[in-house]
């Protein structure tokens, strides 16, 4: 059971206000807006306790950074922005997934993750087409460093 402290309240509030899954460092930054005394070790301990108590769940995207979100939300999927590395909750779920399983198999659960560029990052790329073109070709812009 998690103790009722100012720091733990700030961490809970960070997840409630985010509206999307957070990494521990993201939760730290958000919690520090409410209580400057929150540290990263406190965030990790709070996440562990909140998850054990069933208040937070792992928003798992295979091969990606662990993120957590408030439990009790409906079944949903996620969109991972490859530019800003944020994870966004999606509404809806495709129907007919059982039809994709081999004959004789019984589908029990599924996870779907979409990857791409979020609206905010796309707007930044559209505002700076030279950088966007360099990113698409894999050629960055070089700056000369002072000797």
Foldseek 3Di string as FASTA:
>chain_A
DDDDDQQLVLLVVLQVPPQFWDALVSSQVSSCVRPVPDDSVNSVVSVVVCVVVQQKDWLDDPPAGTTIHGPPDDDWAWEAEPPVRGIHTDDDDDPDVQVVDPPPDDDDDDYDYHYHHDPVVVVVCVVPVVQVVCVVVVHHDDDDDDD
